[in-house]
Amino acid sequence: MLTLKVDRELELRIFELQEAGELFRLVDSNRRYLRKWLPWIDGIQYPGQFSTVIQMWQKNHQEGRSSHFGIRYRGALAGSISLHAIDWNNSQASIGYYLSEKLQGRGITVRTVTAVLNHAFYELGLNRIEIRCGKDNHKSKAIPRKLGFFEEGVIRDGEYLNGTFHDLIVYGLLAREWHERNALYP
């Protein structure tokens, strides 16, 4: 399975079936923190559910529809990042991510999103990447802003979360913008 080496501390690996228990423990230990922004958290109640999900992710990866990576920080599972909704006809995809609360503030998410952007633009040849963040999720919104994404608009009531609708901010980045930025900041 695909592995992306980010730096000495970080690597991204496509989830393997045997990681279902570890992924469940990560999500379960961060449940209160994650449920504020992720609508699927309450639906995951036991490790076996991730076995089914990981099998689906592997099939989608093999079919070129998405890639769901475990974020490994110093060898331990720290979170997840995905390149999903890959649209080959329009050469675009979306990135989603979450990280353990205790590992926030170390630049992990910026570094992993950078690695996925490099993979998407340089290896897969995609033209456009989108990130959607909850309007009030300031930590998540900081990531695309730091990486040069443009705020493209708001999807009003774009997500149903914990009994209410929430607006989503849409950020977009084009391959040529990423190439120009990397040429300026190697």
N, C-alpha and C. Protein backbone atom coordinates (compact mmCIF):
# COMPACT_ATOMS: atom_id res chain seq x y z
N MET A 1 0.84 -1.20 0.00
CA MET A 1 0.00 0.00 0.00
C MET A 1 0.87 1.24 0.00
N LEU A 2 0.29 2.33 -0.46
CA LEU A 2 1.00 3.59 -0.62
C LEU A 2 1.42 4.19 0.71
N THR A 3 2.68 4.64 0.78
CA THR A 3 3.21 5.36 1.93
C THR A 3 3.86 6.64 1.41
N LEU A 4 3.58 7.75 2.08
CA LEU A 4 4.21 9.03 1.74
C LEU A 4 5.07 9.45 2.93
N LYS A 5 6.36 9.55 2.71
CA LYS A 5 7.28 10.01 3.75
C LYS A 5 7.19 11.53 3.77
N VAL A 6 6.85 12.09 4.92
CA VAL A 6 6.69 13.55 5.05
C VAL A 6 8.01 14.16 5.51
N ASP A 7 8.55 13.67 6.61
CA ASP A 7 9.83 14.11 7.15
C ASP A 7 10.30 13.07 8.16
N ARG A 8 11.28 13.41 8.99
CA ARG A 8 11.82 12.43 9.94
C ARG A 8 10.79 11.96 10.96
N GLU A 9 9.82 12.80 11.28
CA GLU A 9 8.83 12.47 12.29
C GLU A 9 7.53 11.90 11.74
N LEU A 10 7.24 12.20 10.48
CA LEU A 10 5.91 11.93 9.94
C LEU A 10 5.94 11.09 8.68
N GLU A 11 4.97 10.17 8.61
CA GLU A 11 4.70 9.48 7.36
C GLU A 11 3.20 9.24 7.27
N LEU A 12 2.73 9.12 6.05
CA LEU A 12 1.33 8.85 5.77
C LEU A 12 1.25 7.49 5.11
N ARG A 13 0.36 6.63 5.65
CA ARG A 13 0.20 5.29 5.09
C ARG A 13 -1.27 5.01 4.86
N ILE A 14 -1.56 4.44 3.70
CA ILE A 14 -2.92 3.97 3.44
C ILE A 14 -3.28 2.99 4.55
N PHE A 15 -4.47 3.14 5.11
CA PHE A 15 -4.88 2.29 6.22
C PHE A 15 -4.93 0.82 5.81
N GLU A 16 -4.43 -0.03 6.70
CA GLU A 16 -4.49 -1.48 6.56
C GLU A 16 -5.56 -2.01 7.52
N LEU A 17 -6.13 -3.14 7.18
CA LEU A 17 -7.20 -3.73 7.98
C LEU A 17 -6.80 -3.95 9.44
N GLN A 18 -5.56 -4.36 9.67
CA GLN A 18 -5.12 -4.63 11.04
C GLN A 18 -5.00 -3.36 11.90
N GLU A 19 -5.19 -2.19 11.31
CA GLU A 19 -5.13 -0.94 12.06
C GLU A 19 -6.50 -0.49 12.57
N ALA A 20 -7.52 -1.28 12.36
CA ALA A 20 -8.88 -0.89 12.76
C ALA A 20 -8.97 -0.61 14.27
N GLY A 21 -8.39 -1.47 15.07
CA GLY A 21 -8.44 -1.28 16.52
C GLY A 21 -7.70 -0.04 16.96
N GLU A 22 -6.53 0.18 16.38
CA GLU A 22 -5.73 1.37 16.70
C GLU A 22 -6.47 2.65 16.30
N LEU A 23 -7.09 2.63 15.13
CA LEU A 23 -7.86 3.79 14.68
C LEU A 23 -9.05 4.04 15.60
N PHE A 24 -9.72 2.97 16.00
CA PHE A 24 -10.85 3.13 16.93
C PHE A 24 -10.37 3.76 18.24
N ARG A 25 -9.27 3.27 18.79
CA ARG A 25 -8.76 3.82 20.05
C ARG A 25 -8.42 5.30 19.92
N LEU A 26 -7.84 5.69 18.79
CA LEU A 26 -7.53 7.10 18.56
C LEU A 26 -8.80 7.94 18.54
N VAL A 27 -9.78 7.50 17.77
CA VAL A 27 -11.04 8.23 17.66
C VAL A 27 -11.77 8.24 19.01
N ASP A 28 -11.82 7.09 19.66
CA ASP A 28 -12.55 6.99 20.93
C ASP A 28 -11.92 7.88 22.01
N SER A 29 -10.60 7.94 22.06
CA SER A 29 -9.93 8.76 23.07
C SER A 29 -10.04 10.26 22.77
N ASN A 30 -10.43 10.61 21.54
CA ASN A 30 -10.60 12.00 21.14
C ASN A 30 -12.05 12.32 20.79
N ARG A 31 -12.94 11.43 21.17
CA ARG A 31 -14.35 11.52 20.75
C ARG A 31 -14.97 12.88 21.08
N ARG A 32 -14.83 13.35 22.29
CA ARG A 32 -15.47 14.61 22.68
C ARG A 32 -14.93 15.77 21.84
N TYR A 33 -13.63 15.78 21.62
CA TYR A 33 -13.00 16.83 20.82
C TYR A 33 -13.43 16.74 19.35
N LEU A 34 -13.39 15.55 18.76
CA LEU A 34 -13.67 15.38 17.33
C LEU A 34 -15.14 15.55 16.98
N ARG A 35 -16.04 15.19 17.87
CA ARG A 35 -17.47 15.22 17.52
C ARG A 35 -17.96 16.64 17.28
N LYS A 36 -17.22 17.62 17.75
CA LYS A 36 -17.62 19.01 17.51
C LYS A 36 -17.57 19.36 16.03
N TRP A 37 -16.71 18.64 15.26
CA TRP A 37 -16.52 19.00 13.84
C TRP A 37 -16.79 17.86 12.86
N LEU A 38 -16.87 16.62 13.34
CA LEU A 38 -17.01 15.48 12.43
C LEU A 38 -18.35 14.78 12.67
N PRO A 39 -19.23 14.78 11.67
CA PRO A 39 -20.57 14.25 11.86
C PRO A 39 -20.65 12.74 12.05
N TRP A 40 -19.64 11.99 11.70
CA TRP A 40 -19.69 10.53 11.76
C TRP A 40 -19.21 9.95 13.08
N ILE A 41 -18.66 10.76 13.97
CA ILE A 41 -18.04 10.27 15.20
C ILE A 41 -19.00 9.43 16.04
N ASP A 42 -20.21 9.92 16.27
CA ASP A 42 -21.14 9.21 17.15
C ASP A 42 -21.57 7.86 16.56
N GLY A 43 -21.44 7.69 15.25
CA GLY A 43 -21.83 6.43 14.62
C GLY A 43 -20.80 5.33 14.78
N ILE A 44 -19.59 5.66 15.22
CA ILE A 44 -18.53 4.66 15.43
C ILE A 44 -18.49 4.31 16.90
N GLN A 45 -18.93 3.10 17.22
CA GLN A 45 -19.04 2.70 18.63
C GLN A 45 -18.18 1.50 19.00
N TYR A 46 -17.62 0.80 18.02
CA TYR A 46 -16.78 -0.35 18.33
C TYR A 46 -15.76 -0.55 17.20
N PRO A 47 -14.62 -1.17 17.49
CA PRO A 47 -13.52 -1.28 16.52
C PRO A 47 -13.90 -1.96 15.21
N GLY A 48 -14.78 -2.95 15.25
CA GLY A 48 -15.15 -3.68 14.04
C GLY A 48 -15.75 -2.78 12.96
N GLN A 49 -16.34 -1.69 13.35
CA GLN A 49 -16.90 -0.76 12.36
C GLN A 49 -15.80 -0.20 11.46
N PHE A 50 -14.63 0.04 12.04
CA PHE A 50 -13.52 0.55 11.22
C PHE A 50 -12.99 -0.52 10.28
N SER A 51 -13.15 -1.80 10.63
CA SER A 51 -12.73 -2.86 9.70
C SER A 51 -13.49 -2.73 8.38
N THR A 52 -14.79 -2.55 8.48
CA THR A 52 -15.63 -2.37 7.29
C THR A 52 -15.25 -1.10 6.54
N VAL A 53 -15.04 -0.02 7.27
CA VAL A 53 -14.69 1.26 6.66
C VAL A 53 -13.33 1.16 5.95
N ILE A 54 -12.35 0.55 6.60
CA ILE A 54 -11.02 0.42 5.99
C ILE A 54 -11.08 -0.42 4.72
N GLN A 55 -11.88 -1.47 4.71
CA GLN A 55 -12.03 -2.26 3.48
C GLN A 55 -12.61 -1.40 2.35
N MET A 56 -13.59 -0.56 2.68
CA MET A 56 -14.16 0.34 1.68
C MET A 56 -13.10 1.34 1.20
N TRP A 57 -12.32 1.90 2.13
CA TRP A 57 -11.27 2.84 1.76
C TRP A 57 -10.24 2.19 0.84
N GLN A 58 -9.86 0.94 1.14
CA GLN A 58 -8.88 0.24 0.29
C GLN A 58 -9.43 0.03 -1.11
N LYS A 59 -10.69 -0.36 -1.20
CA LYS A 59 -11.32 -0.55 -2.52
C LYS A 59 -11.36 0.77 -3.28
N ASN A 60 -11.74 1.84 -2.61
CA ASN A 60 -11.79 3.16 -3.26
C ASN A 60 -10.40 3.59 -3.71
N HIS A 61 -9.38 3.28 -2.92
CA HIS A 61 -8.01 3.63 -3.30
C HIS A 61 -7.59 2.85 -4.55
N GLN A 62 -7.88 1.55 -4.56
CA GLN A 62 -7.52 0.72 -5.72
C GLN A 62 -8.23 1.19 -6.98
N GLU A 63 -9.43 1.72 -6.82
CA GLU A 63 -10.21 2.20 -7.96
C GLU A 63 -9.93 3.67 -8.30
N GLY A 64 -9.02 4.31 -7.56
CA GLY A 64 -8.63 5.68 -7.85
C GLY A 64 -9.66 6.73 -7.44
N ARG A 65 -10.55 6.38 -6.49
CA ARG A 65 -11.59 7.32 -6.08
C ARG A 65 -11.22 8.13 -4.84
N SER A 66 -10.32 7.59 -4.02
CA SER A 66 -9.90 8.29 -2.81
C SER A 66 -8.68 7.59 -2.22
N SER A 67 -8.01 8.29 -1.33
CA SER A 67 -6.89 7.72 -0.57
C SER A 67 -7.02 8.20 0.86
N HIS A 68 -7.17 7.26 1.79
CA HIS A 68 -7.29 7.58 3.22
C HIS A 68 -6.02 7.11 3.92
N PHE A 69 -5.27 8.08 4.44
CA PHE A 69 -3.99 7.81 5.07
C PHE A 69 -4.07 7.95 6.58
N GLY A 70 -3.37 7.06 7.27
CA GLY A 70 -3.12 7.26 8.69
C GLY A 70 -1.93 8.18 8.82
N ILE A 71 -2.04 9.17 9.68
CA ILE A 71 -0.92 10.06 9.97
C ILE A 71 -0.11 9.40 11.08
N ARG A 72 1.11 9.04 10.78
CA ARG A 72 2.01 8.40 11.75
C ARG A 72 3.02 9.45 12.21
N TYR A 73 2.94 9.79 13.50
CA TYR A 73 3.87 10.75 14.10
C TYR A 73 4.77 9.98 15.04
N ARG A 74 6.06 9.94 14.71
CA ARG A 74 7.03 9.16 15.48
C ARG A 74 6.57 7.72 15.65
N GLY A 75 5.96 7.19 14.60
CA GLY A 75 5.53 5.79 14.55
C GLY A 75 4.13 5.52 15.04
N ALA A 76 3.55 6.42 15.83
CA ALA A 76 2.21 6.19 16.41
C ALA A 76 1.14 6.87 15.56
N LEU A 77 -0.03 6.24 15.50
CA LEU A 77 -1.14 6.83 14.77
C LEU A 77 -1.58 8.11 15.48
N ALA A 78 -1.59 9.21 14.75
CA ALA A 78 -1.89 10.53 15.32
C ALA A 78 -3.15 11.14 14.76
N GLY A 79 -3.61 10.63 13.61
CA GLY A 79 -4.78 11.20 12.96
C GLY A 79 -4.97 10.58 11.59
N SER A 80 -5.74 11.26 10.78
CA SER A 80 -6.05 10.77 9.44
C SER A 80 -6.12 11.94 8.48
N ILE A 81 -5.73 11.69 7.26
CA ILE A 81 -5.87 12.68 6.19
C ILE A 81 -6.30 11.93 4.94
N SER A 82 -7.22 12.52 4.22
CA SER A 82 -7.71 11.83 3.02
C SER A 82 -7.74 12.77 1.83
N LEU A 83 -7.49 12.17 0.70
CA LEU A 83 -7.70 12.81 -0.60
C LEU A 83 -8.93 12.09 -1.14
N HIS A 84 -10.07 12.76 -1.08
CA HIS A 84 -11.31 12.06 -1.44
C HIS A 84 -12.07 12.79 -2.53
N ALA A 85 -13.12 12.15 -2.97
CA ALA A 85 -13.94 12.67 -4.07
C ALA A 85 -13.08 13.02 -5.27
N ILE A 86 -12.15 12.12 -5.61
CA ILE A 86 -11.29 12.38 -6.77
C ILE A 86 -12.15 12.33 -8.02
N ASP A 87 -12.13 13.42 -8.74
CA ASP A 87 -12.90 13.59 -9.97
C ASP A 87 -11.90 13.69 -11.11
N TRP A 88 -11.63 12.55 -11.76
CA TRP A 88 -10.62 12.51 -12.82
C TRP A 88 -11.04 13.30 -14.05
N ASN A 89 -12.36 13.36 -14.33
CA ASN A 89 -12.82 14.12 -15.50
C ASN A 89 -12.51 15.61 -15.36
N ASN A 90 -12.62 16.13 -14.14
CA ASN A 90 -12.38 17.55 -13.91
C ASN A 90 -11.05 17.80 -13.19
N SER A 91 -10.27 16.74 -12.98
CA SER A 91 -8.93 16.83 -12.40
C SER A 91 -8.92 17.56 -11.06
N GLN A 92 -9.81 17.11 -10.17
CA GLN A 92 -9.89 17.76 -8.87
C GLN A 92 -10.24 16.76 -7.77
N ALA A 93 -10.00 17.18 -6.53
CA ALA A 93 -10.30 16.35 -5.37
C ALA A 93 -10.43 17.26 -4.15
N SER A 94 -10.74 16.63 -3.03
CA SER A 94 -10.92 17.35 -1.79
C SER A 94 -10.03 16.70 -0.72
N ILE A 95 -9.56 17.49 0.23
CA ILE A 95 -8.76 16.98 1.33
C ILE A 95 -9.53 17.16 2.63
N GLY A 96 -9.50 16.13 3.46
CA GLY A 96 -10.07 16.20 4.81
C GLY A 96 -9.04 15.67 5.79
N TYR A 97 -9.10 16.12 7.03
CA TYR A 97 -8.10 15.72 8.02
C TYR A 97 -8.63 15.88 9.43
N TYR A 98 -8.04 15.11 10.34
CA TYR A 98 -8.22 15.33 11.77
C TYR A 98 -6.99 14.80 12.49
N LEU A 99 -6.73 15.37 13.66
CA LEU A 99 -5.54 15.05 14.42
C LEU A 99 -5.90 14.94 15.89
N SER A 100 -5.21 14.06 16.59
CA SER A 100 -5.40 13.91 18.02
C SER A 100 -5.26 15.27 18.71
N GLU A 101 -6.14 15.53 19.65
CA GLU A 101 -6.12 16.84 20.34
C GLU A 101 -4.78 17.10 21.01
N LYS A 102 -4.18 16.09 21.60
CA LYS A 102 -2.93 16.31 22.34
C LYS A 102 -1.73 16.62 21.43
N LEU A 103 -1.88 16.40 20.13
CA LEU A 103 -0.78 16.67 19.20
C LEU A 103 -0.97 17.97 18.41
N GLN A 104 -1.98 18.73 18.75
CA GLN A 104 -2.22 20.00 18.08
C GLN A 104 -1.06 20.96 18.35
N GLY A 105 -0.84 21.88 17.43
CA GLY A 105 0.14 22.93 17.64
C GLY A 105 1.58 22.57 17.32
N ARG A 106 1.81 21.44 16.66
CA ARG A 106 3.17 21.02 16.31
C ARG A 106 3.45 21.12 14.81
N GLY A 107 2.51 21.66 14.06
CA GLY A 107 2.69 21.77 12.61
C GLY A 107 2.45 20.48 11.86
N ILE A 108 1.90 19.49 12.54
CA ILE A 108 1.69 18.17 11.92
C ILE A 108 0.71 18.26 10.75
N THR A 109 -0.40 18.94 10.95
CA THR A 109 -1.41 18.98 9.89
C THR A 109 -0.91 19.76 8.69
N VAL A 110 -0.24 20.87 8.88
CA VAL A 110 0.31 21.63 7.75
C VAL A 110 1.28 20.77 6.97
N ARG A 111 2.14 20.04 7.65
CA ARG A 111 3.13 19.21 6.96
C ARG A 111 2.47 18.06 6.21
N THR A 112 1.43 17.46 6.80
CA THR A 112 0.78 16.34 6.11
C THR A 112 -0.07 16.81 4.94
N VAL A 113 -0.74 17.95 5.09
CA VAL A 113 -1.50 18.49 3.95
C VAL A 113 -0.53 18.85 2.83
N THR A 114 0.62 19.40 3.16
CA THR A 114 1.64 19.72 2.14
C THR A 114 2.03 18.46 1.38
N ALA A 115 2.26 17.36 2.09
CA ALA A 115 2.64 16.10 1.44
C ALA A 115 1.53 15.60 0.52
N VAL A 116 0.28 15.71 0.96
CA VAL A 116 -0.83 15.25 0.13
C VAL A 116 -0.99 16.17 -1.08
N LEU A 117 -0.78 17.46 -0.90
CA LEU A 117 -0.83 18.38 -2.05
C LEU A 117 0.26 18.04 -3.07
N ASN A 118 1.47 17.78 -2.61
CA ASN A 118 2.55 17.39 -3.52
C ASN A 118 2.18 16.11 -4.27
N HIS A 119 1.63 15.14 -3.56
CA HIS A 119 1.20 13.89 -4.18
C HIS A 119 0.11 14.15 -5.23
N ALA A 120 -0.88 14.96 -4.85
CA ALA A 120 -2.01 15.23 -5.75
C ALA A 120 -1.58 16.00 -7.00
N PHE A 121 -0.77 17.02 -6.82
CA PHE A 121 -0.39 17.87 -7.96
C PHE A 121 0.76 17.28 -8.78
N TYR A 122 1.79 16.76 -8.14
CA TYR A 122 2.97 16.31 -8.86
C TYR A 122 2.90 14.85 -9.31
N GLU A 123 2.31 13.98 -8.49
CA GLU A 123 2.26 12.57 -8.84
C GLU A 123 0.97 12.18 -9.56
N LEU A 124 -0.16 12.70 -9.09
CA LEU A 124 -1.43 12.35 -9.72
C LEU A 124 -1.81 13.30 -10.85
N GLY A 125 -1.20 14.46 -10.88
CA GLY A 125 -1.46 15.42 -11.95
C GLY A 125 -2.80 16.12 -11.84
N LEU A 126 -3.35 16.21 -10.64
CA LEU A 126 -4.64 16.91 -10.47
C LEU A 126 -4.44 18.42 -10.63
N ASN A 127 -5.50 19.11 -10.97
CA ASN A 127 -5.45 20.55 -11.21
C ASN A 127 -5.98 21.38 -10.05
N ARG A 128 -6.93 20.84 -9.27
CA ARG A 128 -7.57 21.65 -8.23
C ARG A 128 -7.83 20.80 -6.99
N ILE A 129 -7.52 21.39 -5.83
CA ILE A 129 -7.79 20.75 -4.55
C ILE A 129 -8.65 21.70 -3.73
N GLU A 130 -9.63 21.11 -3.06
CA GLU A 130 -10.55 21.87 -2.23
C GLU A 130 -10.47 21.37 -0.79
N ILE A 131 -10.60 22.29 0.15
CA ILE A 131 -10.75 21.97 1.57
C ILE A 131 -11.98 22.70 2.06
N ARG A 132 -12.86 21.97 2.74
CA ARG A 132 -14.05 22.57 3.35
C ARG A 132 -13.90 22.51 4.87
N CYS A 133 -14.16 23.63 5.52
CA CYS A 133 -14.03 23.71 6.97
C CYS A 133 -15.29 24.34 7.56
N GLY A 134 -15.67 23.88 8.74
CA GLY A 134 -16.76 24.52 9.45
C GLY A 134 -16.44 25.99 9.69
N LYS A 135 -17.42 26.84 9.51
CA LYS A 135 -17.23 28.29 9.63
C LYS A 135 -16.56 28.68 10.95
N ASP A 136 -16.85 27.97 12.01
CA ASP A 136 -16.31 28.31 13.33
C ASP A 136 -15.11 27.44 13.73
N ASN A 137 -14.64 26.60 12.82
CA ASN A 137 -13.50 25.73 13.12
C ASN A 137 -12.20 26.47 12.76
N HIS A 138 -11.77 27.33 13.65
CA HIS A 138 -10.64 28.23 13.38
C HIS A 138 -9.33 27.48 13.19
N LYS A 139 -9.11 26.40 13.93
CA LYS A 139 -7.87 25.62 13.77
C LYS A 139 -7.81 24.99 12.38
N SER A 140 -8.92 24.44 11.94
CA SER A 140 -8.95 23.81 10.62
C SER A 140 -8.82 24.85 9.51
N LYS A 141 -9.47 25.99 9.66
CA LYS A 141 -9.39 27.04 8.64
C LYS A 141 -7.97 27.61 8.50
N ALA A 142 -7.18 27.53 9.56
CA ALA A 142 -5.81 28.06 9.51
C ALA A 142 -4.94 27.27 8.53
N ILE A 143 -5.26 26.00 8.34
CA ILE A 143 -4.42 25.14 7.47
C ILE A 143 -4.45 25.62 6.02
N PRO A 144 -5.62 25.70 5.37
CA PRO A 144 -5.59 26.16 3.97
C PRO A 144 -5.07 27.59 3.84
N ARG A 145 -5.34 28.42 4.81
CA ARG A 145 -4.85 29.80 4.75
C ARG A 145 -3.32 29.83 4.76
N LYS A 146 -2.69 29.02 5.62
CA LYS A 146 -1.22 28.96 5.68
C LYS A 146 -0.62 28.43 4.39
N LEU A 147 -1.36 27.57 3.71
CA LEU A 147 -0.83 26.92 2.51
C LEU A 147 -1.18 27.62 1.21
N GLY A 148 -1.77 28.81 1.29
CA GLY A 148 -2.01 29.61 0.09
C GLY A 148 -3.30 29.32 -0.63
N PHE A 149 -4.22 28.61 -0.01
CA PHE A 149 -5.54 28.39 -0.61
C PHE A 149 -6.30 29.72 -0.65
N PHE A 150 -7.22 29.82 -1.57
CA PHE A 150 -8.11 30.97 -1.67
C PHE A 150 -9.47 30.62 -1.07
N GLU A 151 -10.01 31.52 -0.29
CA GLU A 151 -11.37 31.32 0.21
C GLU A 151 -12.31 31.61 -0.95
N GLU A 152 -13.06 30.59 -1.35
CA GLU A 152 -13.89 30.70 -2.55
C GLU A 152 -15.35 30.97 -2.25
N GLY A 153 -15.78 30.70 -1.03
CA GLY A 153 -17.17 30.96 -0.73
C GLY A 153 -17.66 30.19 0.48
N VAL A 154 -18.95 30.29 0.70
CA VAL A 154 -19.61 29.66 1.84
C VAL A 154 -20.71 28.75 1.31
N ILE A 155 -20.77 27.55 1.83
CA ILE A 155 -21.90 26.67 1.57
C ILE A 155 -22.81 26.80 2.79
N ARG A 156 -23.88 27.53 2.62
CA ARG A 156 -24.79 27.78 3.73
C ARG A 156 -25.47 26.47 4.14
N ASP A 157 -25.50 26.23 5.46
CA ASP A 157 -26.08 24.99 5.99
C ASP A 157 -25.52 23.76 5.27
N GLY A 158 -24.23 23.78 5.00
CA GLY A 158 -23.59 22.73 4.21
C GLY A 158 -23.35 21.43 4.93
N GLU A 159 -23.50 21.43 6.26
CA GLU A 159 -23.26 20.19 7.00
C GLU A 159 -24.22 20.12 8.18
N TYR A 160 -24.79 18.93 8.36
CA TYR A 160 -25.67 18.67 9.50
C TYR A 160 -24.84 17.99 10.57
N LEU A 161 -24.69 18.65 11.70
CA LEU A 161 -23.77 18.20 12.72
C LEU A 161 -24.37 18.40 14.10
N ASN A 162 -24.51 17.31 14.84
CA ASN A 162 -25.01 17.36 16.21
C ASN A 162 -26.35 18.08 16.33
N GLY A 163 -27.23 17.78 15.39
CA GLY A 163 -28.59 18.29 15.47
C GLY A 163 -28.85 19.64 14.84
N THR A 164 -27.84 20.26 14.27
CA THR A 164 -28.05 21.55 13.61
C THR A 164 -27.21 21.64 12.34
N PHE A 165 -27.64 22.51 11.45
CA PHE A 165 -26.90 22.78 10.24
C PHE A 165 -25.82 23.82 10.51
N HIS A 166 -24.70 23.67 9.80
CA HIS A 166 -23.57 24.58 9.94
C HIS A 166 -23.09 25.01 8.56
N ASP A 167 -22.63 26.24 8.48
CA ASP A 167 -22.03 26.72 7.24
C ASP A 167 -20.63 26.16 7.08
N LEU A 168 -20.24 25.92 5.83
CA LEU A 168 -18.89 25.47 5.50
C LEU A 168 -18.20 26.53 4.65
N ILE A 169 -16.94 26.79 4.95
CA ILE A 169 -16.12 27.67 4.13
C ILE A 169 -15.38 26.78 3.12
N VAL A 170 -15.39 27.18 1.86
CA VAL A 170 -14.72 26.42 0.81
C VAL A 170 -13.43 27.14 0.43
N TYR A 171 -12.33 26.39 0.49
CA TYR A 171 -11.02 26.89 0.09
C TYR A 171 -10.56 26.09 -1.12
N GLY A 172 -9.96 26.75 -2.09
CA GLY A 172 -9.47 26.07 -3.27
C GLY A 172 -8.06 26.47 -3.62
N LEU A 173 -7.33 25.53 -4.22
CA LEU A 173 -5.96 25.77 -4.66
C LEU A 173 -5.76 25.07 -5.99
N LEU A 174 -5.16 25.77 -6.94
CA LEU A 174 -4.88 25.22 -8.26
C LEU A 174 -3.43 24.76 -8.34
N ALA A 175 -3.19 23.80 -9.20
CA ALA A 175 -1.84 23.26 -9.36
C ALA A 175 -0.84 24.36 -9.71
N ARG A 176 -1.20 25.27 -10.61
CA ARG A 176 -0.26 26.32 -11.02
C ARG A 176 0.07 27.24 -9.85
N GLU A 177 -0.88 27.46 -8.96
CA GLU A 177 -0.61 28.29 -7.77
C GLU A 177 0.35 27.58 -6.82
N TRP A 178 0.16 26.28 -6.67
CA TRP A 178 1.05 25.49 -5.82
C TRP A 178 2.46 25.43 -6.41
N HIS A 179 2.56 25.24 -7.73
CA HIS A 179 3.86 25.20 -8.40
C HIS A 179 4.58 26.53 -8.23
N GLU A 180 3.85 27.63 -8.43
CA GLU A 180 4.46 28.97 -8.27
C GLU A 180 4.92 29.18 -6.84
N ARG A 181 4.09 28.79 -5.89
CA ARG A 181 4.46 28.96 -4.48
C ARG A 181 5.69 28.13 -4.14
N ASN A 182 5.75 26.91 -4.62
CA ASN A 182 6.91 26.06 -4.33
C ASN A 182 8.17 26.55 -5.03
N ALA A 183 8.02 27.17 -6.19
CA ALA A 183 9.16 27.74 -6.88
C ALA A 183 9.72 28.92 -6.08
N LEU A 184 8.84 29.65 -5.41
CA LEU A 184 9.27 30.79 -4.61
C LEU A 184 9.81 30.39 -3.25
N TYR A 185 9.25 29.28 -2.70
CA TYR A 185 9.62 28.83 -1.36
C TYR A 185 10.00 27.36 -1.39
N PRO A 186 11.20 27.05 -1.89
CA PRO A 186 11.58 25.63 -2.01
C PRO A 186 11.72 24.95 -0.67
